[in-house]
Amino acid sequence: MIYSAAIWRHARQSGAYARAVTDIVLHLTKFVAEVTASGLGLEEWLLKRKLKSSITPEEAEQWRMGLEQNVACK
């Protein structure tokens, strides 16, 4: 909500209302998707999806190896 308020405040100052509405709708859509995924027990899937787009293949392999080691220890 704070993020949306900041965007709207900036829009009032700059007159960029269309951009503000677009950004707020996008922000709320992401929020709803995350809440829905959490409610359905898909937190791990959501985290993997986020990480997949922001890390290198080498980092992903290190992450997989760490997960496999943690699972083997349990």
Protein backbone atom coordinates (compact mmCIF):
# COMPACT_ATOMS: atom_id res chain seq x y z
CA MET A 1 0.00 0.00 0.00
CA ILE A 2 2.86 2.37 0.80
CA TYR A 3 4.35 1.71 -2.65
CA SER A 4 1.05 2.51 -4.35
CA ALA A 5 0.67 5.71 -2.33
CA ALA A 6 4.16 6.82 -3.33
CA ILE A 7 3.43 6.13 -7.00
CA TRP A 8 0.16 8.09 -6.82
CA ARG A 9 1.83 11.00 -5.00
CA HIS A 10 4.44 11.16 -7.77
CA ALA A 11 1.70 11.04 -10.41
CA ARG A 12 -0.05 14.02 -8.82
CA GLN A 13 3.20 15.98 -8.98
CA SER A 14 4.19 14.92 -12.49
CA GLY A 15 0.80 14.45 -14.12
CA ALA A 16 1.68 10.90 -15.22
CA TYR A 17 -1.61 9.37 -14.08
CA ALA A 18 -1.80 6.66 -16.76
CA ARG A 19 1.66 5.37 -15.85
CA ALA A 20 0.77 5.44 -12.16
CA VAL A 21 -2.40 3.41 -12.70
CA THR A 22 -0.48 0.89 -14.79
CA ASP A 23 2.24 0.52 -12.15
CA ILE A 24 -0.27 0.19 -9.30
CA VAL A 25 -2.29 -2.45 -11.18
CA LEU A 26 0.90 -4.39 -11.94
CA HIS A 27 1.99 -4.17 -8.29
CA LEU A 28 -1.41 -5.39 -7.04
CA THR A 29 -1.45 -8.22 -9.60
CA LYS A 30 1.92 -9.46 -8.37
CA PHE A 31 0.70 -9.22 -4.78
CA VAL A 32 -2.44 -11.23 -5.52
CA ALA A 33 -0.39 -13.89 -7.35
CA GLU A 34 1.98 -14.24 -4.39
CA VAL A 35 -0.84 -14.45 -1.84
CA THR A 36 -2.65 -17.02 -3.98
CA ALA A 37 0.50 -19.12 -4.41
CA SER A 38 1.12 -19.01 -0.67
CA GLY A 39 -2.47 -19.97 0.05
CA LEU A 40 -2.19 -22.96 -2.27
CA GLY A 41 1.10 -24.09 -0.75
CA LEU A 42 3.15 -23.13 -3.80
CA GLU A 43 5.73 -20.98 -2.03
CA GLU A 44 8.61 -23.19 -3.18
CA TRP A 45 7.45 -23.04 -6.81
CA LEU A 46 7.13 -19.27 -6.59
CA LEU A 47 10.61 -18.87 -5.10
CA LYS A 48 12.13 -21.11 -7.77
CA ARG A 49 10.39 -19.11 -10.47
CA LYS A 50 11.69 -15.83 -9.07
CA LEU A 51 15.22 -17.16 -8.61
CA LYS A 52 15.34 -18.75 -12.04
CA SER A 53 15.01 -15.37 -13.69
CA SER A 54 17.57 -13.58 -11.54
CA ILE A 55 20.55 -15.93 -11.12
CA THR A 56 23.20 -17.39 -13.37
CA PRO A 57 23.17 -21.10 -14.32
CA GLU A 58 26.21 -21.65 -12.07
CA GLU A 59 24.41 -20.11 -9.11
CA ALA A 60 21.34 -22.23 -9.83
CA GLU A 61 23.47 -25.39 -9.78
CA GLN A 62 25.00 -24.40 -6.44
CA TRP A 63 21.51 -23.78 -5.08
CA ARG A 64 20.31 -27.20 -6.31
CA MET A 65 23.30 -28.92 -4.74
CA GLY A 66 22.59 -27.19 -1.42
CA LEU A 67 18.95 -28.27 -1.52
CA GLU A 68 19.92 -31.87 -2.29
CA GLN A 69 22.35 -31.88 0.64
CA ASN A 70 19.70 -30.48 2.98
CA VAL A 71 17.19 -33.12 1.88
CA ALA A 72 19.78 -35.90 2.32
CA CYS A 73 20.46 -34.72 5.88
CA LYS A 74 16.81 -34.95 6.89
